[in-house]
């Protein structure tokens, strides 16, 4: 059993790989204990996943509790929160990162209801109700040294049309509004809420379109900062928000996308 301490605790969903892994390690480097949640948590796999992340967190001098849980399951929400509270006494930072892409990209005129429901359940319904539950926990634990912070990881797809994965765009647009709603509702409890909008980030999820985006970035000038983003880029932004660097800016959207959103001629 992990022992309680006064060190702030961050719960990161989808922490086993990609952006979530980058966020968990950045927060650990900044002094946070980590609850690393993912849908798969295999203690026998130290090469990849939340137990690999736990080893890296401990190398950074912080503690990590790997917790298996499906973000789309309300029962799993309760179990993950209870595990975090038992281990660390409370949750100071929630990072809603877990999400999926369509299993098969399809034109929106062919997209299936099954694919739509899967993405909405995981990408939007899950984070919404997890935040609801964690926010109530944060309110109950008022008085901890760290002011509570919630971060939603959305995507530039929240505002940019991609007709071959409409369900993904819709889910991320919903995440963007969820962040705004929670920022409004939780402000009176001194809980700040932010949306981070990643651009083109090098992860397993985007590896299938690497050739396409290599050309757009390096040959066609898609981005003012002509490189792929990294999970570490997202992690640094989350740390700034968690540490209160934007304490009077609740509800704001921070794009981490190499200048993607700059209107250009």
C-alpha atoms as a PDB file:
ATOM      1  CA  UNK A   1       0.000   0.000   0.000  1.00  0.00           C
ATOM      2  CA  UNK A   2       1.280   3.438  -0.914  1.00  0.00           C
ATOM      3  CA  UNK A   3       1.563   5.674   2.159  1.00  0.00           C
ATOM      4  CA  UNK A   4      -0.130   9.062   2.346  1.00  0.00           C
ATOM      5  CA  UNK A   5       1.866  12.307   2.277  1.00  0.00           C
ATOM      6  CA  UNK A   6       1.429  16.037   1.786  1.00  0.00           C
ATOM      7  CA  UNK A   7       2.885  15.836  -1.719  1.00  0.00           C
ATOM      8  CA  UNK A   8       0.279  16.868  -4.325  1.00  0.00           C
ATOM      9  CA  UNK A   9      -1.282  14.047  -6.321  1.00  0.00           C
ATOM     10  CA  UNK A  10      -2.156  14.062 -10.030  1.00  0.00           C
ATOM     11  CA  UNK A  11      -4.502  11.567 -11.656  1.00  0.00           C
ATOM     12  CA  UNK A  12      -3.680  11.116 -15.340  1.00  0.00           C
ATOM     13  CA  UNK A  13      -5.944   8.999 -17.536  1.00  0.00           C
ATOM     14  CA  UNK A  14      -4.462   7.172 -20.497  1.00  0.00           C
ATOM     15  CA  UNK A  15      -1.083   7.434 -18.783  1.00  0.00           C
ATOM     16  CA  UNK A  16       0.427   4.277 -20.222  1.00  0.00           C
ATOM     17  CA  UNK A  17       1.625   5.705 -23.501  1.00  0.00           C
ATOM     18  CA  UNK A  18       1.844   8.723 -25.779  1.00  0.00           C
ATOM     19  CA  UNK A  19       0.650  12.073 -24.503  1.00  0.00           C
ATOM     20  CA  UNK A  20      -0.534  10.636 -21.185  1.00  0.00           C
ATOM     21  CA  UNK A  21       2.890   9.162 -20.473  1.00  0.00           C
ATOM     22  CA  UNK A  22       4.535  12.479 -21.298  1.00  0.00           C
ATOM     23  CA  UNK A  23       2.169  14.306 -18.940  1.00  0.00           C
ATOM     24  CA  UNK A  24       2.683  11.843 -16.086  1.00  0.00           C
ATOM     25  CA  UNK A  25       6.475  12.079 -16.300  1.00  0.00           C
ATOM     26  CA  UNK A  26       6.431  15.876 -16.579  1.00  0.00           C
ATOM     27  CA  UNK A  27       4.234  16.155 -13.480  1.00  0.00           C
ATOM     28  CA  UNK A  28       6.436  13.715 -11.579  1.00  0.00           C
ATOM     29  CA  UNK A  29       9.466  15.788 -12.516  1.00  0.00           C
ATOM     30  CA  UNK A  30       7.666  18.820 -11.100  1.00  0.00           C
ATOM     31  CA  UNK A  31       7.092  17.122  -7.742  1.00  0.00           C
ATOM     32  CA  UNK A  32       3.715  15.385  -8.082  1.00  0.00           C
ATOM     33  CA  UNK A  33       2.869  11.859  -7.031  1.00  0.00           C
ATOM     34  CA  UNK A  34       1.043  10.139  -9.879  1.00  0.00           C
ATOM     35  CA  UNK A  35      -2.026   7.950 -10.208  1.00  0.00           C
ATOM     36  CA  UNK A  36      -1.403   6.403 -13.631  1.00  0.00           C
ATOM     37  CA  UNK A  37      -4.673   5.141 -15.039  1.00  0.00           C
ATOM     38  CA  UNK A  38      -5.072   3.153 -18.221  1.00  0.00           C
ATOM     39  CA  UNK A  39      -7.452   0.557 -19.599  1.00  0.00           C
ATOM     40  CA  UNK A  40      -4.585  -1.981 -19.502  1.00  0.00           C
ATOM     41  CA  UNK A  41      -2.367  -2.311 -16.437  1.00  0.00           C
ATOM     42  CA  UNK A  42      -0.173  -5.409 -16.587  1.00  0.00           C
ATOM     43  CA  UNK A  43       2.337  -5.643 -13.696  1.00  0.00           C
ATOM     44  CA  UNK A  44       4.320  -8.190 -15.693  1.00  0.00           C
ATOM     45  CA  UNK A  45       4.959  -5.677 -18.481  1.00  0.00           C
ATOM     46  CA  UNK A  46       7.663  -3.231 -17.423  1.00  0.00           C
ATOM     47  CA  UNK A  47       8.624  -2.449 -21.027  1.00  0.00           C
ATOM     48  CA  UNK A  48       5.487  -0.490 -21.898  1.00  0.00           C
ATOM     49  CA  UNK A  49       2.376   0.749 -20.129  1.00  0.00           C
ATOM     50  CA  UNK A  50       1.567   2.127 -16.685  1.00  0.00           C
ATOM     51  CA  UNK A  51       4.082  -0.084 -14.866  1.00  0.00           C
ATOM     52  CA  UNK A  52       6.868   1.207 -17.097  1.00  0.00           C
ATOM     53  CA  UNK A  53       5.619   4.716 -16.315  1.00  0.00           C
ATOM     54  CA  UNK A  54       5.626   3.867 -12.601  1.00  0.00           C
ATOM     55  CA  UNK A  55       9.291   2.877 -12.782  1.00  0.00           C
ATOM     56  CA  UNK A  56      10.175   6.151 -14.550  1.00  0.00           C
ATOM     57  CA  UNK A  57       8.183   8.185 -12.014  1.00  0.00           C
ATOM     58  CA  UNK A  58      10.002   6.509  -9.136  1.00  0.00           C
ATOM     59  CA  UNK A  59      13.355   7.217 -10.813  1.00  0.00           C
ATOM     60  CA  UNK A  60      12.311  10.888 -10.679  1.00  0.00           C
ATOM     61  CA  UNK A  61      11.875  10.607  -6.919  1.00  0.00           C
ATOM     62  CA  UNK A  62       8.091  10.506  -6.790  1.00  0.00           C
ATOM     63  CA  UNK A  63       5.584   7.762  -6.144  1.00  0.00           C
ATOM     64  CA  UNK A  64       3.227   6.226  -8.673  1.00  0.00           C
ATOM     65  CA  UNK A  65       0.116   4.126  -8.277  1.00  0.00           C
ATOM     66  CA  UNK A  66      -0.813   2.276 -11.487  1.00  0.00           C
ATOM     67  CA  UNK A  67      -4.576   1.706 -11.615  1.00  0.00           C
ATOM     68  CA  UNK A  68      -6.439  -0.195 -14.310  1.00  0.00           C
ATOM     69  CA  UNK A  69      -9.719   1.397 -15.318  1.00  0.00           C
ATOM     70  CA  UNK A  70     -11.928   2.028 -18.325  1.00  0.00           C
ATOM     71  CA  UNK A  71     -12.658   5.750 -18.532  1.00  0.00           C
ATOM     72  CA  UNK A  72     -16.074   4.997 -20.040  1.00  0.00           C
ATOM     73  CA  UNK A  73     -17.139   2.960 -16.960  1.00  0.00           C
ATOM     74  CA  UNK A  74     -18.803   4.750 -14.042  1.00  0.00           C
ATOM     75  CA  UNK A  75     -17.922   1.848 -11.727  1.00  0.00           C
ATOM     76  CA  UNK A  76     -14.272   2.177 -12.708  1.00  0.00           C
ATOM     77  CA  UNK A  77     -14.405   5.913 -11.973  1.00  0.00           C
ATOM     78  CA  UNK A  78     -15.353   5.196  -8.375  1.00  0.00           C
ATOM     79  CA  UNK A  79     -12.688   2.538  -7.980  1.00  0.00           C
ATOM     80  CA  UNK A  80      -9.916   4.713  -9.441  1.00  0.00           C
ATOM     81  CA  UNK A  81     -10.857   7.670  -7.229  1.00  0.00           C
ATOM     82  CA  UNK A  82     -11.081   5.512  -4.115  1.00  0.00           C
ATOM     83  CA  UNK A  83      -7.670   4.015  -4.894  1.00  0.00           C
ATOM     84  CA  UNK A  84      -6.146   7.477  -5.324  1.00  0.00           C
ATOM     85  CA  UNK A  85      -7.619   8.771  -2.077  1.00  0.00           C
ATOM     86  CA  UNK A  86      -6.480   5.717  -0.113  1.00  0.00           C
ATOM     87  CA  UNK A  87      -2.977   6.009  -1.510  1.00  0.00           C
ATOM     88  CA  UNK A  88      -2.394   9.751  -1.438  1.00  0.00           C
ATOM     89  CA  UNK A  89      -5.149  11.252   0.671  1.00  0.00           C
ATOM     90  CA  UNK A  90      -6.803  13.112  -2.193  1.00  0.00           C
ATOM     91  CA  UNK A  91      -6.578  14.244  -5.815  1.00  0.00           C
ATOM     92  CA  UNK A  92      -5.144  17.682  -6.531  1.00  0.00           C
ATOM     93  CA  UNK A  93      -4.854  17.564 -10.323  1.00  0.00           C
ATOM     94  CA  UNK A  94      -7.009  15.666 -12.811  1.00  0.00           C
ATOM     95  CA  UNK A  95      -5.782  15.334 -16.377  1.00  0.00           C
ATOM     96  CA  UNK A  96      -8.455  13.969 -18.713  1.00  0.00           C
ATOM     97  CA  UNK A  97      -6.191  12.584 -21.402  1.00  0.00           C
ATOM     98  CA  UNK A  98      -7.518   9.128 -22.305  1.00  0.00           C
ATOM     99  CA  UNK A  99      -9.041   8.942 -25.752  1.00  0.00           C
ATOM    100  CA  UNK A 100      -9.217   6.901 -28.917  1.00  0.00           C
ATOM    101  CA  UNK A 101      -9.354   7.398 -32.655  1.00  0.00           C
ATOM    102  CA  UNK A 102     -11.732   5.511 -34.948  1.00  0.00           C
ATOM    103  CA  UNK A 103     -10.664   1.928 -35.556  1.00  0.00           C
ATOM    104  CA  UNK A 104     -11.189   2.619 -39.269  1.00  0.00           C
ATOM    105  CA  UNK A 105     -11.277   6.074 -40.836  1.00  0.00           C
ATOM    106  CA  UNK A 106     -14.444   6.351 -42.910  1.00  0.00           C
ATOM    107  CA  UNK A 107     -16.093   9.113 -44.874  1.00  0.00           C
ATOM    108  CA  UNK A 108     -18.784  10.675 -42.722  1.00  0.00           C
ATOM    109  CA  UNK A 109     -21.426   9.516 -45.191  1.00  0.00           C
ATOM    110  CA  UNK A 110     -20.386   5.930 -44.413  1.00  0.00           C
ATOM    111  CA  UNK A 111     -19.493   6.254 -40.705  1.00  0.00           C
ATOM    112  CA  UNK A 112     -21.233   3.732 -38.452  1.00  0.00           C
ATOM    113  CA  UNK A 113     -23.265   4.367 -35.334  1.00  0.00           C
ATOM    114  CA  UNK A 114     -21.068   1.834 -33.525  1.00  0.00           C
ATOM    115  CA  UNK A 115     -17.938   3.863 -34.207  1.00  0.00           C
ATOM    116  CA  UNK A 116     -19.712   7.076 -33.200  1.00  0.00           C
ATOM    117  CA  UNK A 117     -20.926   5.585 -29.911  1.00  0.00           C
ATOM    118  CA  UNK A 118     -17.501   4.138 -29.083  1.00  0.00           C
ATOM    119  CA  UNK A 119     -15.730   7.467 -29.479  1.00  0.00           C
ATOM    120  CA  UNK A 120     -18.391   9.450 -27.671  1.00  0.00           C
ATOM    121  CA  UNK A 121     -18.380   7.024 -24.719  1.00  0.00           C
ATOM    122  CA  UNK A 122     -14.604   7.038 -24.318  1.00  0.00           C
ATOM    123  CA  UNK A 123     -13.649  10.542 -25.457  1.00  0.00           C
ATOM    124  CA  UNK A 124     -16.539  12.591 -24.071  1.00  0.00           C
ATOM    125  CA  UNK A 125     -18.972  10.772 -21.777  1.00  0.00           C
ATOM    126  CA  UNK A 126     -16.142   9.201 -19.792  1.00  0.00           C
ATOM    127  CA  UNK A 127     -14.156  12.388 -19.082  1.00  0.00           C
ATOM    128  CA  UNK A 128     -17.325  14.342 -18.328  1.00  0.00           C
ATOM    129  CA  UNK A 129     -18.522  11.990 -15.617  1.00  0.00           C
ATOM    130  CA  UNK A 130     -15.034  11.309 -14.274  1.00  0.00           C
ATOM    131  CA  UNK A 131     -14.601  15.062 -13.843  1.00  0.00           C
ATOM    132  CA  UNK A 132     -17.965  15.269 -12.124  1.00  0.00           C
ATOM    133  CA  UNK A 133     -16.868  12.620  -9.623  1.00  0.00           C
ATOM    134  CA  UNK A 134     -13.354  14.008  -9.107  1.00  0.00           C
ATOM    135  CA  UNK A 135     -14.671  17.559  -8.727  1.00  0.00           C
ATOM    136  CA  UNK A 136     -16.924  16.426  -5.890  1.00  0.00           C
ATOM    137  CA  UNK A 137     -13.925  14.739  -4.283  1.00  0.00           C
ATOM    138  CA  UNK A 138     -11.891  17.935  -4.673  1.00  0.00           C
ATOM    139  CA  UNK A 139     -14.665  19.961  -3.016  1.00  0.00           C
ATOM    140  CA  UNK A 140     -14.799  17.512  -0.095  1.00  0.00           C
ATOM    141  CA  UNK A 141     -11.047  17.713   0.446  1.00  0.00           C
ATOM    142  CA  UNK A 142     -10.899  21.534   0.483  1.00  0.00           C
ATOM    143  CA  UNK A 143      -7.962  22.795   2.516  1.00  0.00           C
ATOM    144  CA  UNK A 144      -5.154  20.781   0.940  1.00  0.00           C
ATOM    145  CA  UNK A 145      -2.044  22.822   0.204  1.00  0.00           C
ATOM    146  CA  UNK A 146      -2.393  22.506  -3.588  1.00  0.00           C
ATOM    147  CA  UNK A 147      -5.313  24.335  -5.160  1.00  0.00           C
ATOM    148  CA  UNK A 148      -7.170  21.838  -7.358  1.00  0.00           C
ATOM    149  CA  UNK A 149      -6.797  21.938 -11.130  1.00  0.00           C
ATOM    150  CA  UNK A 150      -8.582  20.055 -13.921  1.00  0.00           C
ATOM    151  CA  UNK A 151      -7.123  19.806 -17.417  1.00  0.00           C
ATOM    152  CA  UNK A 152      -8.954  18.433 -20.433  1.00  0.00           C
ATOM    153  CA  UNK A 153      -6.789  17.273 -23.342  1.00  0.00           C
ATOM    154  CA  UNK A 154      -8.780  17.909 -26.509  1.00  0.00           C
ATOM    155  CA  UNK A 155      -7.368  18.322 -30.028  1.00  0.00           C
ATOM    156  CA  UNK A 156      -7.154  20.818 -32.860  1.00  0.00           C
ATOM    157  CA  UNK A 157      -9.884  18.561 -34.276  1.00  0.00           C
ATOM    158  CA  UNK A 158     -12.256  20.282 -31.835  1.00  0.00           C
ATOM    159  CA  UNK A 159     -12.520  23.093 -34.397  1.00  0.00           C
ATOM    160  CA  UNK A 160     -10.965  21.712 -37.612  1.00  0.00           C
ATOM    161  CA  UNK A 161     -13.049  19.602 -39.975  1.00  0.00           C
ATOM    162  CA  UNK A 162     -11.799  16.130 -40.857  1.00  0.00           C
ATOM    163  CA  UNK A 163     -14.600  14.382 -42.742  1.00  0.00           C
ATOM    164  CA  UNK A 164     -12.827  11.016 -42.653  1.00  0.00           C
ATOM    165  CA  UNK A 165     -13.159  10.904 -38.853  1.00  0.00           C
ATOM    166  CA  UNK A 166     -16.177  13.009 -38.052  1.00  0.00           C
ATOM    167  CA  UNK A 167     -16.912  11.123 -34.845  1.00  0.00           C
ATOM    168  CA  UNK A 168     -13.478  12.080 -33.490  1.00  0.00           C
ATOM    169  CA  UNK A 169     -14.005  15.755 -34.309  1.00  0.00           C
ATOM    170  CA  UNK A 170     -17.424  15.746 -32.664  1.00  0.00           C
ATOM    171  CA  UNK A 171     -16.099  14.070 -29.522  1.00  0.00           C
ATOM    172  CA  UNK A 172     -13.288  16.604 -29.170  1.00  0.00           C
ATOM    173  CA  UNK A 173     -15.633  19.529 -29.787  1.00  0.00           C
ATOM    174  CA  UNK A 174     -17.689  18.144 -26.912  1.00  0.00           C
ATOM    175  CA  UNK A 175     -14.598  17.896 -24.714  1.00  0.00           C
ATOM    176  CA  UNK A 176     -13.916  21.568 -25.417  1.00  0.00           C
ATOM    177  CA  UNK A 177     -17.394  22.557 -24.223  1.00  0.00           C
ATOM    178  CA  UNK A 178     -17.128  20.252 -21.203  1.00  0.00           C
ATOM    179  CA  UNK A 179     -13.991  22.115 -20.133  1.00  0.00           C
ATOM    180  CA  UNK A 180     -15.776  25.437 -20.463  1.00  0.00           C
ATOM    181  CA  UNK A 181     -18.794  24.231 -18.510  1.00  0.00           C
ATOM    182  CA  UNK A 182     -16.728  22.844 -15.654  1.00  0.00           C
ATOM    183  CA  UNK A 183     -14.615  26.009 -15.552  1.00  0.00           C
ATOM    184  CA  UNK A 184     -17.792  28.026 -15.065  1.00  0.00           C
ATOM    185  CA  UNK A 185     -19.351  25.688 -12.509  1.00  0.00           C
ATOM    186  CA  UNK A 186     -16.256  25.039 -10.391  1.00  0.00           C
ATOM    187  CA  UNK A 187     -14.843  28.557 -10.205  1.00  0.00           C
ATOM    188  CA  UNK A 188     -16.722  29.317  -6.995  1.00  0.00           C
ATOM    189  CA  UNK A 189     -14.958  26.338  -5.415  1.00  0.00           C
ATOM    190  CA  UNK A 190     -11.563  27.747  -6.455  1.00  0.00           C
ATOM    191  CA  UNK A 191     -11.012  24.873  -8.878  1.00  0.00           C
ATOM    192  CA  UNK A 192      -9.467  26.063 -12.126  1.00  0.00           C
ATOM    193  CA  UNK A 193     -10.222  24.197 -15.343  1.00  0.00           C
ATOM    194  CA  UNK A 194      -8.357  24.375 -18.637  1.00  0.00           C
ATOM    195  CA  UNK A 195      -8.362  22.862 -22.096  1.00  0.00           C
ATOM    196  CA  UNK A 196      -5.126  21.958 -23.809  1.00  0.00           C
ATOM    197  CA  UNK A 197      -5.560  21.530 -27.549  1.00  0.00           C
ATOM    198  CA  UNK A 198      -2.704  19.438 -28.987  1.00  0.00           C
ATOM    199  CA  UNK A 199      -1.770  19.752 -32.622  1.00  0.00           C
ATOM    200  CA  UNK A 200       0.123  17.111 -34.576  1.00  0.00           C
ATOM    201  CA  UNK A 201       1.868  15.100 -31.871  1.00  0.00           C
ATOM    202  CA  UNK A 202       4.163  12.128 -32.482  1.00  0.00           C
ATOM    203  CA  UNK A 203       2.493   9.152 -30.774  1.00  0.00           C
ATOM    204  CA  UNK A 204       1.431   5.612 -31.621  1.00  0.00           C
ATOM    205  CA  UNK A 205      -1.985   7.015 -32.590  1.00  0.00           C
ATOM    206  CA  UNK A 206      -0.518   9.327 -35.233  1.00  0.00           C
ATOM    207  CA  UNK A 207       2.118   6.884 -36.516  1.00  0.00           C
ATOM    208  CA  UNK A 208      -0.342   5.623 -39.136  1.00  0.00           C
ATOM    209  CA  UNK A 209      -0.412   9.070 -40.779  1.00  0.00           C
ATOM    210  CA  UNK A 210       3.262   9.943 -40.359  1.00  0.00           C
ATOM    211  CA  UNK A 211       4.052  10.094 -44.069  1.00  0.00           C
ATOM    212  CA  UNK A 212       1.075  12.374 -44.750  1.00  0.00           C
ATOM    213  CA  UNK A 213       1.984  14.858 -42.027  1.00  0.00           C
ATOM    214  CA  UNK A 214       5.712  14.727 -42.727  1.00  0.00           C
ATOM    215  CA  UNK A 215       4.934  16.140 -46.171  1.00  0.00           C
ATOM    216  CA  UNK A 216       2.470  18.722 -44.846  1.00  0.00           C
ATOM    217  CA  UNK A 217       4.895  19.930 -42.173  1.00  0.00           C
ATOM    218  CA  UNK A 218       8.215  19.801 -43.974  1.00  0.00           C
ATOM    219  CA  UNK A 219       7.240  20.355 -47.611  1.00  0.00           C
ATOM    220  CA  UNK A 220       3.975  22.296 -47.604  1.00  0.00           C
ATOM    221  CA  UNK A 221       4.458  24.666 -44.666  1.00  0.00           C
ATOM    222  CA  UNK A 222       1.503  23.512 -42.595  1.00  0.00           C
ATOM    223  CA  UNK A 223       3.037  24.782 -39.343  1.00  0.00           C
ATOM    224  CA  UNK A 224       5.001  27.950 -38.569  1.00  0.00           C
ATOM    225  CA  UNK A 225       7.119  25.829 -36.222  1.00  0.00           C
ATOM    226  CA  UNK A 226       8.014  23.156 -38.728  1.00  0.00           C
ATOM    227  CA  UNK A 227       8.220  20.034 -36.603  1.00  0.00           C
ATOM    228  CA  UNK A 228       6.070  17.377 -35.020  1.00  0.00           C
ATOM    229  CA  UNK A 229       5.003  18.063 -31.462  1.00  0.00           C
ATOM    230  CA  UNK A 230       5.980  15.655 -28.688  1.00  0.00           C
ATOM    231  CA  UNK A 231       4.270  14.330 -25.553  1.00  0.00           C
ATOM    232  CA  UNK A 232       6.866  16.332 -23.613  1.00  0.00           C
ATOM    233  CA  UNK A 233       5.511  19.539 -25.182  1.00  0.00           C
ATOM    234  CA  UNK A 234       2.080  18.731 -23.774  1.00  0.00           C
ATOM    235  CA  UNK A 235       3.535  17.699 -20.435  1.00  0.00           C
ATOM    236  CA  UNK A 236       5.265  21.049 -19.936  1.00  0.00           C
ATOM    237  CA  UNK A 237       2.009  22.894 -20.605  1.00  0.00           C
ATOM    238  CA  UNK A 238       0.142  20.746 -18.088  1.00  0.00           C
ATOM    239  CA  UNK A 239       2.796  21.420 -15.436  1.00  0.00           C
ATOM    240  CA  UNK A 240       2.409  25.182 -15.905  1.00  0.00           C
ATOM    241  CA  UNK A 241      -1.343  24.902 -15.394  1.00  0.00           C
ATOM    242  CA  UNK A 242      -1.053  22.507 -12.455  1.00  0.00           C
ATOM    243  CA  UNK A 243       1.408  24.764 -10.665  1.00  0.00           C
ATOM    244  CA  UNK A 244      -0.921  27.762 -10.841  1.00  0.00           C
ATOM    245  CA  UNK A 245       0.937  29.793 -13.448  1.00  0.00           C
ATOM    246  CA  UNK A 246      -2.460  30.679 -14.953  1.00  0.00           C
ATOM    247  CA  UNK A 247      -4.457  30.822 -11.730  1.00  0.00           C
ATOM    248  CA  UNK A 248      -6.604  33.759 -12.933  1.00  0.00           C
ATOM    249  CA  UNK A 249      -7.355  32.300 -16.366  1.00  0.00           C
ATOM    250  CA  UNK A 250      -9.836  29.516 -15.754  1.00  0.00           C
ATOM    251  CA  UNK A 251     -11.674  28.257 -18.838  1.00  0.00           C
ATOM    252  CA  UNK A 252      -8.906  29.151 -21.249  1.00  0.00           C
ATOM    253  CA  UNK A 253      -7.818  27.072 -24.243  1.00  0.00           C
ATOM    254  CA  UNK A 254      -4.103  26.568 -24.790  1.00  0.00           C
ATOM    255  CA  UNK A 255      -3.130  25.263 -28.188  1.00  0.00           C
ATOM    256  CA  UNK A 256       0.101  23.287 -28.237  1.00  0.00           C
ATOM    257  CA  UNK A 257       0.415  22.909 -31.966  1.00  0.00           C
ATOM    258  CA  UNK A 258       3.376  24.758 -33.383  1.00  0.00           C
ATOM    259  CA  UNK A 259       1.290  27.743 -34.417  1.00  0.00           C
ATOM    260  CA  UNK A 260      -1.318  25.672 -36.282  1.00  0.00           C
ATOM    261  CA  UNK A 261      -4.112  28.041 -35.253  1.00  0.00           C
ATOM    262  CA  UNK A 262      -2.494  31.202 -36.570  1.00  0.00           C
ATOM    263  CA  UNK A 263      -4.583  32.575 -39.482  1.00  0.00           C
ATOM    264  CA  UNK A 264      -2.117  32.894 -42.386  1.00  0.00           C
ATOM    265  CA  UNK A 265      -2.173  33.908 -46.025  1.00  0.00           C
END
